[in-house]
Amino acid sequence: MRFTGDSAYADGATLHEQTQRGHDMHAKVPPVRNAHGYSKDQFSIDLAAGTVTCPAHHTVAIRDGRRHRSARFGARCGSCPLRAACTKARGGRVISIHPHEAALQHAKARQKDPVWQQAYRTHRPVVERKISHFTHRPWGGRKARCRGHARILTDILTDILTRASAINLARLATLGLHHAAGGWAIA
């Protein structure tokens, strides 16, 4: 089954989980943004070999840390001609390896395929439009209409069900829903 969504559904954990369930996720993984220097996408990460290669062709091993895995270039950055364009850190460049890096790399590789891009361009506007309909301002947008944690949860659940029902009924009306002798039918 294929799911199309925006980049909010393209985090590593979601991609990994949906792939494990046998679903084909069409969600665009956003590029990694850095305040300064080369982005992580410009480094070659080889998970099978456990190495990361920088744009200056320096290769270091991926190491396990207390919380996450990373590749530290350290001393290699000291005399590197690309240092000014790469990092301002005194200790050299560090590339963090996401726990679901393989899923993210796979998704980014798929995004380069023209067939994937065409399918994404075809279906994503429909998804975005439905999200827009769902959060439309006259229905309250993204804000609660009351105060108090318990009341907000009750109110939001009721609003979500009402909004979803209204959107579904509007779609059925567009498809030509009518009452016939045998019951409801779509023309």
N, C-alpha and C. Protein backbone atom coordinates (compact mmCIF):
# COMPACT_ATOMS: atom_id res chain seq x y z
N MET A 1 0.84 -1.16 0.00
CA MET A 1 0.00 0.00 0.00
C MET A 1 0.89 1.24 0.00
N ARG A 2 0.56 2.23 -0.81
CA ARG A 2 1.35 3.45 -0.89
C ARG A 2 0.68 4.56 -0.08
N PHE A 3 1.51 5.27 0.70
CA PHE A 3 1.07 6.43 1.46
C PHE A 3 1.82 7.64 0.93
N THR A 4 1.11 8.72 0.68
CA THR A 4 1.73 9.97 0.26
C THR A 4 1.50 11.00 1.34
N GLY A 5 2.56 11.69 1.73
CA GLY A 5 2.44 12.70 2.77
C GLY A 5 3.50 13.76 2.60
N ASP A 6 3.41 14.78 3.40
CA ASP A 6 4.41 15.84 3.33
C ASP A 6 5.63 15.43 4.15
N SER A 7 6.58 16.34 4.25
CA SER A 7 7.84 16.01 4.91
C SER A 7 7.71 15.74 6.40
N ALA A 8 6.56 16.07 6.98
CA ALA A 8 6.34 15.76 8.40
C ALA A 8 6.32 14.24 8.63
N TYR A 9 6.02 13.48 7.59
CA TYR A 9 5.98 12.02 7.69
C TYR A 9 7.27 11.37 7.21
N ALA A 10 8.32 12.18 6.98
CA ALA A 10 9.56 11.66 6.43
C ALA A 10 10.68 11.58 7.44
N ASP A 11 10.33 11.49 8.72
CA ASP A 11 11.40 11.29 9.70
C ASP A 11 11.81 9.82 9.67
N GLY A 12 13.00 9.54 10.14
CA GLY A 12 13.56 8.20 10.05
C GLY A 12 12.71 7.13 10.72
N ALA A 13 12.18 7.43 11.90
CA ALA A 13 11.39 6.43 12.64
C ALA A 13 10.12 6.06 11.87
N THR A 14 9.42 7.06 11.33
CA THR A 14 8.19 6.79 10.58
C THR A 14 8.48 6.01 9.31
N LEU A 15 9.51 6.41 8.57
CA LEU A 15 9.87 5.69 7.35
C LEU A 15 10.22 4.24 7.66
N HIS A 16 11.00 4.02 8.71
CA HIS A 16 11.40 2.67 9.09
C HIS A 16 10.19 1.82 9.49
N GLU A 17 9.34 2.40 10.33
CA GLU A 17 8.16 1.65 10.81
C GLU A 17 7.23 1.29 9.66
N GLN A 18 6.96 2.23 8.77
CA GLN A 18 6.04 1.96 7.66
C GLN A 18 6.63 0.96 6.67
N THR A 19 7.94 1.00 6.48
CA THR A 19 8.59 0.03 5.60
C THR A 19 8.49 -1.36 6.22
N GLN A 20 8.67 -1.46 7.54
CA GLN A 20 8.54 -2.75 8.22
C GLN A 20 7.13 -3.32 8.08
N ARG A 21 6.15 -2.45 8.00
CA ARG A 21 4.75 -2.88 7.83
C ARG A 21 4.40 -3.20 6.38
N GLY A 22 5.35 -2.98 5.48
CA GLY A 22 5.13 -3.28 4.07
C GLY A 22 4.50 -2.14 3.29
N HIS A 23 4.50 -0.93 3.83
CA HIS A 23 3.91 0.22 3.16
C HIS A 23 4.96 0.96 2.34
N ASP A 24 4.54 1.52 1.23
CA ASP A 24 5.41 2.29 0.37
C ASP A 24 5.18 3.77 0.68
N MET A 25 6.12 4.37 1.41
CA MET A 25 5.98 5.78 1.81
C MET A 25 6.49 6.72 0.73
N HIS A 26 5.64 7.64 0.33
CA HIS A 26 6.02 8.71 -0.60
C HIS A 26 5.95 10.01 0.17
N ALA A 27 6.99 10.27 0.93
CA ALA A 27 7.11 11.51 1.70
C ALA A 27 8.51 12.04 1.47
N LYS A 28 8.60 13.31 1.14
CA LYS A 28 9.89 13.88 0.77
C LYS A 28 10.72 14.17 2.01
N VAL A 29 11.91 13.58 2.06
CA VAL A 29 12.84 13.81 3.16
C VAL A 29 13.50 15.17 2.91
N PRO A 30 13.33 16.11 3.83
CA PRO A 30 13.92 17.43 3.59
C PRO A 30 15.44 17.38 3.67
N PRO A 31 16.11 18.29 2.97
CA PRO A 31 17.57 18.31 3.06
C PRO A 31 18.02 18.74 4.45
N VAL A 32 19.20 18.27 4.84
CA VAL A 32 19.76 18.64 6.13
C VAL A 32 20.29 20.07 6.00
N ARG A 33 19.94 20.91 6.96
CA ARG A 33 20.38 22.30 6.90
C ARG A 33 21.41 22.56 7.99
N ASN A 34 22.45 23.28 7.62
CA ASN A 34 23.50 23.67 8.56
C ASN A 34 23.53 25.19 8.65
N ALA A 35 23.94 25.69 9.80
CA ALA A 35 24.11 27.13 9.94
C ALA A 35 25.32 27.59 9.13
N HIS A 36 26.31 26.73 9.01
CA HIS A 36 27.53 27.07 8.30
C HIS A 36 28.13 25.81 7.69
N GLY A 37 28.65 25.92 6.51
CA GLY A 37 29.41 24.83 5.92
C GLY A 37 28.60 23.83 5.12
N TYR A 38 29.29 22.78 4.73
CA TYR A 38 28.68 21.71 3.94
C TYR A 38 27.60 21.01 4.76
N SER A 39 26.53 20.62 4.08
CA SER A 39 25.48 19.87 4.78
C SER A 39 25.88 18.40 4.87
N LYS A 40 25.20 17.69 5.71
CA LYS A 40 25.46 16.26 5.90
C LYS A 40 25.26 15.49 4.59
N ASP A 41 24.36 15.98 3.74
CA ASP A 41 24.09 15.32 2.47
C ASP A 41 25.29 15.35 1.53
N GLN A 42 26.24 16.24 1.77
CA GLN A 42 27.42 16.33 0.91
C GLN A 42 28.54 15.39 1.38
N PHE A 43 28.31 14.68 2.48
CA PHE A 43 29.26 13.68 2.97
C PHE A 43 28.76 12.31 2.51
N SER A 44 29.67 11.42 2.18
CA SER A 44 29.31 10.07 1.76
C SER A 44 29.30 9.16 2.98
N ILE A 45 28.11 8.67 3.33
CA ILE A 45 27.95 7.81 4.50
C ILE A 45 27.77 6.37 4.03
N ASP A 46 28.71 5.51 4.38
CA ASP A 46 28.64 4.10 4.01
C ASP A 46 28.37 3.30 5.28
N LEU A 47 27.13 2.95 5.50
CA LEU A 47 26.74 2.23 6.72
C LEU A 47 27.29 0.81 6.74
N ALA A 48 27.39 0.18 5.58
CA ALA A 48 27.91 -1.19 5.53
C ALA A 48 29.38 -1.24 5.96
N ALA A 49 30.16 -0.27 5.50
CA ALA A 49 31.58 -0.23 5.86
C ALA A 49 31.79 0.49 7.19
N GLY A 50 30.79 1.24 7.65
CA GLY A 50 30.92 1.98 8.91
C GLY A 50 31.83 3.18 8.79
N THR A 51 31.77 3.87 7.63
CA THR A 51 32.64 5.02 7.40
C THR A 51 31.86 6.21 6.86
N VAL A 52 32.47 7.39 7.02
CA VAL A 52 31.95 8.63 6.44
C VAL A 52 33.11 9.30 5.72
N THR A 53 32.86 9.77 4.49
CA THR A 53 33.88 10.46 3.70
C THR A 53 33.42 11.89 3.46
N CYS A 54 34.31 12.84 3.75
CA CYS A 54 33.98 14.26 3.60
C CYS A 54 34.22 14.72 2.17
N PRO A 55 33.79 15.95 1.82
CA PRO A 55 34.02 16.47 0.47
C PRO A 55 35.51 16.57 0.09
N ALA A 56 36.40 16.62 1.07
CA ALA A 56 37.85 16.65 0.79
C ALA A 56 38.43 15.24 0.70
N HIS A 57 37.58 14.23 0.69
CA HIS A 57 37.95 12.82 0.54
C HIS A 57 38.69 12.25 1.75
N HIS A 58 38.45 12.78 2.94
CA HIS A 58 38.98 12.20 4.17
C HIS A 58 37.92 11.22 4.68
N THR A 59 38.35 10.02 5.05
CA THR A 59 37.43 8.99 5.52
C THR A 59 37.72 8.67 6.97
N VAL A 60 36.65 8.63 7.78
CA VAL A 60 36.78 8.27 9.19
C VAL A 60 35.73 7.21 9.52
N ALA A 61 35.97 6.51 10.60
CA ALA A 61 35.05 5.45 11.04
C ALA A 61 33.89 6.05 11.83
N ILE A 62 32.75 5.38 11.74
CA ILE A 62 31.59 5.75 12.55
C ILE A 62 31.77 5.10 13.90
N ARG A 63 31.65 5.88 14.94
CA ARG A 63 31.86 5.38 16.30
C ARG A 63 30.57 5.46 17.11
N ASP A 64 30.42 4.52 18.03
CA ASP A 64 29.27 4.53 18.93
C ASP A 64 29.55 5.47 20.09
N GLY A 65 28.59 6.33 20.38
CA GLY A 65 28.71 7.24 21.51
C GLY A 65 27.74 6.85 22.61
N ARG A 66 27.63 7.69 23.61
CA ARG A 66 26.70 7.39 24.71
C ARG A 66 25.25 7.41 24.25
N ARG A 67 24.92 8.37 23.42
CA ARG A 67 23.53 8.51 22.98
C ARG A 67 23.33 8.16 21.52
N HIS A 68 24.31 8.47 20.70
CA HIS A 68 24.16 8.23 19.27
C HIS A 68 25.52 7.95 18.62
N ARG A 69 25.46 7.52 17.37
CA ARG A 69 26.68 7.25 16.62
C ARG A 69 27.12 8.51 15.88
N SER A 70 28.42 8.65 15.68
CA SER A 70 28.92 9.82 14.97
C SER A 70 30.26 9.52 14.32
N ALA A 71 30.61 10.40 13.38
CA ALA A 71 31.92 10.35 12.72
C ALA A 71 32.61 11.67 13.01
N ARG A 72 33.77 11.60 13.64
CA ARG A 72 34.52 12.80 14.03
C ARG A 72 35.77 12.92 13.15
N PHE A 73 35.87 14.06 12.47
CA PHE A 73 37.01 14.28 11.59
C PHE A 73 38.20 14.90 12.31
N GLY A 74 37.96 15.57 13.43
CA GLY A 74 39.00 16.09 14.31
C GLY A 74 40.23 16.65 13.65
N ALA A 75 41.39 15.99 13.83
CA ALA A 75 42.69 16.48 13.34
C ALA A 75 42.73 16.61 11.82
N ARG A 76 41.95 15.82 11.10
CA ARG A 76 41.95 15.90 9.64
C ARG A 76 41.48 17.27 9.15
N CYS A 77 40.65 17.94 9.96
CA CYS A 77 40.14 19.26 9.58
C CYS A 77 41.20 20.35 9.74
N GLY A 78 42.21 20.12 10.58
CA GLY A 78 43.21 21.13 10.88
C GLY A 78 43.92 21.68 9.66
N SER A 79 44.35 20.81 8.76
CA SER A 79 45.10 21.25 7.58
C SER A 79 44.29 21.12 6.29
N CYS A 80 43.00 20.90 6.41
CA CYS A 80 42.15 20.70 5.24
C CYS A 80 41.93 22.02 4.49
N PRO A 81 42.10 22.04 3.18
CA PRO A 81 41.88 23.27 2.41
C PRO A 81 40.41 23.69 2.36
N LEU A 82 39.49 22.78 2.66
CA LEU A 82 38.06 23.09 2.63
C LEU A 82 37.51 23.46 4.01
N ARG A 83 38.35 23.55 5.01
CA ARG A 83 37.90 23.79 6.39
C ARG A 83 37.01 25.03 6.50
N ALA A 84 37.42 26.14 5.89
CA ALA A 84 36.65 27.38 6.00
C ALA A 84 35.24 27.23 5.42
N ALA A 85 35.09 26.39 4.43
CA ALA A 85 33.78 26.16 3.81
C ALA A 85 33.00 25.05 4.50
N CYS A 86 33.64 24.35 5.44
CA CYS A 86 33.02 23.18 6.07
C CYS A 86 32.60 23.41 7.51
N THR A 87 33.51 23.91 8.35
CA THR A 87 33.19 24.01 9.77
C THR A 87 33.96 25.15 10.44
N LYS A 88 33.38 25.67 11.50
CA LYS A 88 34.06 26.67 12.33
C LYS A 88 34.48 26.05 13.67
N ALA A 89 34.10 24.80 13.90
CA ALA A 89 34.38 24.14 15.17
C ALA A 89 35.89 23.91 15.34
N ARG A 90 36.41 24.24 16.50
CA ARG A 90 37.84 24.04 16.78
C ARG A 90 38.23 22.57 16.72
N GLY A 91 37.36 21.71 17.20
CA GLY A 91 37.65 20.28 17.25
C GLY A 91 37.43 19.56 15.94
N GLY A 92 37.02 20.27 14.88
CA GLY A 92 36.76 19.64 13.59
C GLY A 92 35.31 19.25 13.41
N ARG A 93 35.00 18.80 12.24
CA ARG A 93 33.63 18.48 11.86
C ARG A 93 33.19 17.16 12.49
N VAL A 94 31.92 17.13 12.93
CA VAL A 94 31.31 15.92 13.47
C VAL A 94 30.02 15.67 12.70
N ILE A 95 29.85 14.47 12.19
CA ILE A 95 28.64 14.09 11.48
C ILE A 95 27.89 13.09 12.36
N SER A 96 26.67 13.44 12.75
CA SER A 96 25.84 12.54 13.55
C SER A 96 25.15 11.54 12.65
N ILE A 97 25.10 10.32 13.09
CA ILE A 97 24.45 9.25 12.34
C ILE A 97 23.12 8.94 13.00
N HIS A 98 22.05 9.17 12.28
CA HIS A 98 20.69 8.96 12.80
C HIS A 98 20.46 7.46 13.07
N PRO A 99 19.70 7.12 14.11
CA PRO A 99 19.41 5.70 14.37
C PRO A 99 18.76 4.99 13.18
N HIS A 100 18.04 5.75 12.35
CA HIS A 100 17.39 5.18 11.17
C HIS A 100 18.02 5.75 9.89
N GLU A 101 19.31 5.92 9.91
CA GLU A 101 20.04 6.50 8.77
C GLU A 101 19.81 5.71 7.49
N ALA A 102 19.74 4.39 7.58
CA ALA A 102 19.54 3.57 6.39
C ALA A 102 18.20 3.90 5.72
N ALA A 103 17.15 4.05 6.50
CA ALA A 103 15.83 4.39 5.95
C ALA A 103 15.85 5.77 5.30
N LEU A 104 16.52 6.71 5.94
CA LEU A 104 16.61 8.06 5.38
C LEU A 104 17.41 8.07 4.08
N GLN A 105 18.52 7.35 4.04
CA GLN A 105 19.32 7.27 2.82
C GLN A 105 18.53 6.62 1.69
N HIS A 106 17.81 5.55 2.01
CA HIS A 106 17.00 4.86 1.00
C HIS A 106 15.94 5.80 0.44
N ALA A 107 15.27 6.56 1.31
CA ALA A 107 14.22 7.48 0.87
C ALA A 107 14.81 8.60 0.01
N LYS A 108 15.97 9.13 0.39
CA LYS A 108 16.60 10.19 -0.40
C LYS A 108 17.02 9.69 -1.76
N ALA A 109 17.50 8.45 -1.84
CA ALA A 109 17.89 7.87 -3.13
C ALA A 109 16.66 7.70 -4.02
N ARG A 110 15.55 7.26 -3.45
CA ARG A 110 14.31 7.09 -4.22
C ARG A 110 13.79 8.42 -4.75
N GLN A 111 13.99 9.50 -3.97
CA GLN A 111 13.49 10.82 -4.37
C GLN A 111 14.14 11.32 -5.65
N LYS A 112 15.28 10.78 -6.02
CA LYS A 112 15.98 11.21 -7.23
C LYS A 112 15.41 10.55 -8.49
N ASP A 113 14.60 9.52 -8.33
CA ASP A 113 14.01 8.79 -9.45
C ASP A 113 12.89 9.63 -10.09
N PRO A 114 12.93 9.88 -11.40
CA PRO A 114 11.89 10.68 -12.06
C PRO A 114 10.48 10.10 -11.91
N VAL A 115 10.35 8.78 -11.86
CA VAL A 115 9.02 8.16 -11.68
C VAL A 115 8.48 8.50 -10.29
N TRP A 116 9.34 8.41 -9.27
CA TRP A 116 8.93 8.77 -7.90
C TRP A 116 8.53 10.24 -7.84
N GLN A 117 9.32 11.11 -8.47
CA GLN A 117 9.04 12.54 -8.45
C GLN A 117 7.70 12.86 -9.11
N GLN A 118 7.40 12.19 -10.23
CA GLN A 118 6.13 12.43 -10.90
C GLN A 118 4.95 11.96 -10.04
N ALA A 119 5.08 10.79 -9.43
CA ALA A 119 4.01 10.28 -8.56
C ALA A 119 3.81 11.21 -7.36
N TYR A 120 4.89 11.71 -6.81
CA TYR A 120 4.80 12.62 -5.66
C TYR A 120 4.12 13.92 -6.05
N ARG A 121 4.51 14.48 -7.21
CA ARG A 121 3.89 15.73 -7.67
C ARG A 121 2.41 15.54 -7.98
N THR A 122 2.03 14.35 -8.40
CA THR A 122 0.64 14.08 -8.73
C THR A 122 -0.23 13.97 -7.48
N HIS A 123 0.25 13.28 -6.45
CA HIS A 123 -0.59 12.99 -5.29
C HIS A 123 -0.41 13.94 -4.12
N ARG A 124 0.75 14.57 -3.96
CA ARG A 124 0.98 15.43 -2.80
C ARG A 124 0.03 16.62 -2.73
N PRO A 125 -0.30 17.30 -3.85
CA PRO A 125 -1.23 18.43 -3.73
C PRO A 125 -2.58 18.04 -3.14
N VAL A 126 -3.03 16.83 -3.44
CA VAL A 126 -4.31 16.37 -2.88
C VAL A 126 -4.20 16.23 -1.37
N VAL A 127 -3.10 15.67 -0.91
CA VAL A 127 -2.88 15.50 0.53
C VAL A 127 -2.80 16.87 1.20
N GLU A 128 -2.00 17.77 0.63
CA GLU A 128 -1.85 19.11 1.21
C GLU A 128 -3.19 19.85 1.25
N ARG A 129 -3.98 19.70 0.21
CA ARG A 129 -5.29 20.37 0.17
C ARG A 129 -6.20 19.85 1.28
N LYS A 130 -6.18 18.56 1.52
CA LYS A 130 -7.02 18.00 2.58
C LYS A 130 -6.55 18.48 3.95
N ILE A 131 -5.24 18.58 4.15
CA ILE A 131 -4.73 19.11 5.41
C ILE A 131 -5.18 20.56 5.57
N SER A 132 -5.13 21.31 4.48
CA SER A 132 -5.59 22.70 4.52
C SER A 132 -7.07 22.78 4.85
N HIS A 133 -7.87 21.93 4.24
CA HIS A 133 -9.31 21.90 4.55
C HIS A 133 -9.54 21.56 6.02
N PHE A 134 -8.75 20.64 6.50
CA PHE A 134 -8.92 20.17 7.88
C PHE A 134 -8.58 21.24 8.91
N THR A 135 -7.62 22.09 8.59
CA THR A 135 -7.21 23.12 9.55
C THR A 135 -7.73 24.51 9.18
N HIS A 136 -8.72 24.57 8.32
CA HIS A 136 -9.27 25.85 7.85
C HIS A 136 -9.74 26.70 9.03
N ARG A 137 -9.47 27.96 8.97
CA ARG A 137 -9.71 28.89 10.09
C ARG A 137 -11.15 28.91 10.62
N PRO A 138 -12.19 28.97 9.78
CA PRO A 138 -13.55 29.02 10.34
C PRO A 138 -13.88 27.84 11.27
N TRP A 139 -13.16 26.75 11.11
CA TRP A 139 -13.39 25.59 11.98
C TRP A 139 -12.51 25.64 13.22
N GLY A 140 -11.79 26.71 13.40
CA GLY A 140 -10.94 26.84 14.58
C GLY A 140 -9.47 26.71 14.29
N GLY A 141 -9.13 26.33 13.08
CA GLY A 141 -7.72 26.21 12.72
C GLY A 141 -6.99 25.23 13.61
N ARG A 142 -5.86 25.65 14.12
CA ARG A 142 -5.03 24.78 14.95
C ARG A 142 -5.11 25.16 16.42
N LYS A 143 -6.10 25.97 16.78
CA LYS A 143 -6.19 26.44 18.16
C LYS A 143 -7.44 25.87 18.85
N ALA A 144 -7.31 25.64 20.13
CA ALA A 144 -8.45 25.16 20.92
C ALA A 144 -9.40 26.32 21.20
N ARG A 145 -10.68 26.01 21.35
CA ARG A 145 -11.68 27.04 21.60
C ARG A 145 -11.99 27.21 23.08
N CYS A 146 -11.28 26.50 23.93
CA CYS A 146 -11.58 26.57 25.36
C CYS A 146 -10.28 26.43 26.16
N ARG A 147 -10.42 26.48 27.49
CA ARG A 147 -9.25 26.36 28.37
C ARG A 147 -9.38 25.12 29.24
N GLY A 148 -8.24 24.65 29.73
CA GLY A 148 -8.24 23.47 30.59
C GLY A 148 -7.86 22.23 29.81
N HIS A 149 -6.89 21.50 30.30
CA HIS A 149 -6.34 20.35 29.59
C HIS A 149 -7.41 19.30 29.26
N ALA A 150 -8.19 18.88 30.24
CA ALA A 150 -9.20 17.83 30.01
C ALA A 150 -10.26 18.31 29.02
N ARG A 151 -10.68 19.55 29.17
CA ARG A 151 -11.72 20.06 28.29
C ARG A 151 -11.20 20.23 26.87
N ILE A 152 -9.94 20.66 26.75
CA ILE A 152 -9.36 20.82 25.42
C ILE A 152 -9.29 19.47 24.71
N LEU A 153 -8.87 18.42 25.42
CA LEU A 153 -8.78 17.10 24.80
C LEU A 153 -10.15 16.62 24.32
N THR A 154 -11.17 16.82 25.13
CA THR A 154 -12.53 16.43 24.75
C THR A 154 -13.00 17.26 23.57
N ASP A 155 -12.76 18.57 23.62
CA ASP A 155 -13.21 19.48 22.59
C ASP A 155 -12.49 19.20 21.27
N ILE A 156 -11.19 18.95 21.32
CA ILE A 156 -10.42 18.69 20.11
C ILE A 156 -10.86 17.38 19.46
N LEU A 157 -11.10 16.34 20.25
CA LEU A 157 -11.55 15.07 19.69
C LEU A 157 -12.89 15.25 18.98
N THR A 158 -13.81 15.97 19.61
CA THR A 158 -15.11 16.23 19.00
C THR A 158 -14.93 17.03 17.71
N ASP A 159 -14.08 18.06 17.75
CA ASP A 159 -13.84 18.88 16.56
C ASP A 159 -13.22 18.06 15.43
N ILE A 160 -12.27 17.21 15.75
CA ILE A 160 -11.61 16.40 14.73
C ILE A 160 -12.61 15.48 14.05
N LEU A 161 -13.45 14.83 14.83
CA LEU A 161 -14.45 13.94 14.24
C LEU A 161 -15.45 14.71 13.39
N THR A 162 -15.85 15.88 13.85
CA THR A 162 -16.80 16.71 13.09
C THR A 162 -16.17 17.19 11.80
N ARG A 163 -14.94 17.69 11.88
CA ARG A 163 -14.24 18.17 10.69
C ARG A 163 -14.04 17.06 9.67
N ALA A 164 -13.60 15.91 10.13
CA ALA A 164 -13.38 14.78 9.23
C ALA A 164 -14.68 14.35 8.55
N SER A 165 -15.76 14.33 9.31
CA SER A 165 -17.06 13.97 8.74
C SER A 165 -17.49 14.98 7.69
N ALA A 166 -17.33 16.26 7.98
CA ALA A 166 -17.73 17.30 7.02
C ALA A 166 -16.90 17.22 5.74
N ILE A 167 -15.60 16.99 5.88
CA ILE A 167 -14.73 16.88 4.70
C ILE A 167 -15.12 15.66 3.88
N ASN A 168 -15.40 14.53 4.53
CA ASN A 168 -15.80 13.31 3.82
C ASN A 168 -17.14 13.50 3.12
N LEU A 169 -18.10 14.14 3.79
CA LEU A 169 -19.40 14.39 3.16
C LEU A 169 -19.27 15.32 1.97
N ALA A 170 -18.44 16.34 2.08
CA ALA A 170 -18.22 17.25 0.96
C ALA A 170 -17.62 16.50 -0.23
N ARG A 171 -16.69 15.60 0.03
CA ARG A 171 -16.08 14.81 -1.04
C ARG A 171 -17.10 13.89 -1.69
N LEU A 172 -17.93 13.25 -0.87
CA LEU A 172 -18.97 12.37 -1.41
C LEU A 172 -19.97 13.16 -2.25
N ALA A 173 -20.31 14.38 -1.83
CA ALA A 173 -21.22 15.22 -2.61
C ALA A 173 -20.59 15.58 -3.95
N THR A 174 -19.29 15.84 -3.97
CA THR A 174 -18.58 16.14 -5.21
C THR A 174 -18.60 14.94 -6.14
N LEU A 175 -18.51 13.76 -5.58
CA LEU A 175 -18.54 12.53 -6.39
C LEU A 175 -19.95 12.16 -6.85
N GLY A 176 -20.94 12.90 -6.40
CA GLY A 176 -22.32 12.67 -6.86
C GLY A 176 -23.13 11.76 -5.97
N LEU A 177 -22.91 11.81 -4.67
CA LEU A 177 -23.69 10.99 -3.74
C LEU A 177 -25.16 11.38 -3.81
N HIS A 178 -26.01 10.39 -3.97
CA HIS A 178 -27.45 10.64 -4.00
C HIS A 178 -28.18 9.42 -3.42
N HIS A 179 -29.43 9.65 -3.04
CA HIS A 179 -30.25 8.57 -2.48
C HIS A 179 -31.09 7.98 -3.59
N ALA A 180 -30.93 6.71 -3.83
CA ALA A 180 -31.69 5.99 -4.85
C ALA A 180 -32.65 5.01 -4.15
N ALA A 181 -33.40 4.29 -4.92
CA ALA A 181 -34.37 3.35 -4.37
C ALA A 181 -33.69 2.28 -3.49
N GLY A 182 -32.52 1.85 -3.86
CA GLY A 182 -31.82 0.82 -3.12
C GLY A 182 -30.94 1.35 -1.98
N GLY A 183 -30.93 2.67 -1.80
CA GLY A 183 -30.09 3.28 -0.76
C GLY A 183 -29.18 4.34 -1.35
N TRP A 184 -28.13 4.67 -0.65
CA TRP A 184 -27.19 5.70 -1.11
C TRP A 184 -26.31 5.15 -2.21
N ALA A 185 -26.02 6.01 -3.21
CA ALA A 185 -25.19 5.59 -4.33
C ALA A 185 -24.37 6.80 -4.82
N ILE A 186 -23.27 6.49 -5.47
CA ILE A 186 -22.45 7.52 -6.08
C ILE A 186 -22.61 7.41 -7.58
N ALA A 187 -22.90 8.55 -8.22
CA ALA A 187 -23.20 8.56 -9.66
C ALA A 187 -22.01 8.23 -10.49
